Each structure stands twice: as structure tokens, then as C-alpha cells.
Amino acid sequence: MDARAPEDRAAENGTPGDRAPRASAARRRAGTTLVVAGLALVLLGVFHVLNAVGSYESRDFAHRKRDYEVRRTVHERFPGALLRGLSGLGLALIGARLRRPPASGDGAAEDG
């Protein structure tokens, strides 16, 4: 007789009990991918607004952008940047939730 728990035997024999670690690893990998994509999207939103300012090439004083021109372009680009930033934040939060280990069913319903 084998005194080990059935879960230990299942993991050793390669039966369906070993799917959980692979699923968990895939879930963590997907979560990491979503976090990275979300942070990249937030950064894209920041660069979207910064692009409105224009480059700081060596320009003559007479050819620079006026303050009201920069303000107008930043105000025009802000909604798109806000949408990108918030969607990136949402992706990052979903990815962080996926990276967390699943809650065990033992005692989760009991509050004590």
C-alpha cells in the first residue's frame, strides 16, 4: 500500500493533477504580460501629451511656439492621453490580479 496522498501520486504519475501548476504558470505569465502592456500604454499616453509640446530643436526665438499654441494642442490631445492612461492602468490592474495566487476554497467562506 502506498501511504502517500492521492495528490502526490497523481503529480508523480503525470495524471490530471499536474495541470494546476501549468495553469498557474500560464496565468502568471499572462498577468505579467498584461502588466507590462498596461505600463507601456500609460507611457504611451504620457508621450502623446508630450508630443504636443514639440521638439526642443535649436530654433530661433521668432520661430518658437507661442504659449497659447502649446496650450491649445495639449488641451486637444489630453482626452486621448487620458483614455490611453486609464486603459493602461486597467490592464495593469487586471494583470496584477491574474498574477496573484488563486484563493483557496478552504475556510474562505467562513469568517470565524
Foldseek 3Di string as FASTA:
>chain_A
DDPDDPLVVCCVVVHPSVVVVVVLVVLLVQLVVLLVQLVVLLVVLVVQLVCLLPDPDDDDPVPHDDPVSSVVSSVVSNVVSVVSNVVSVVSNVVSVVSNDDDDDPPCPPPPD
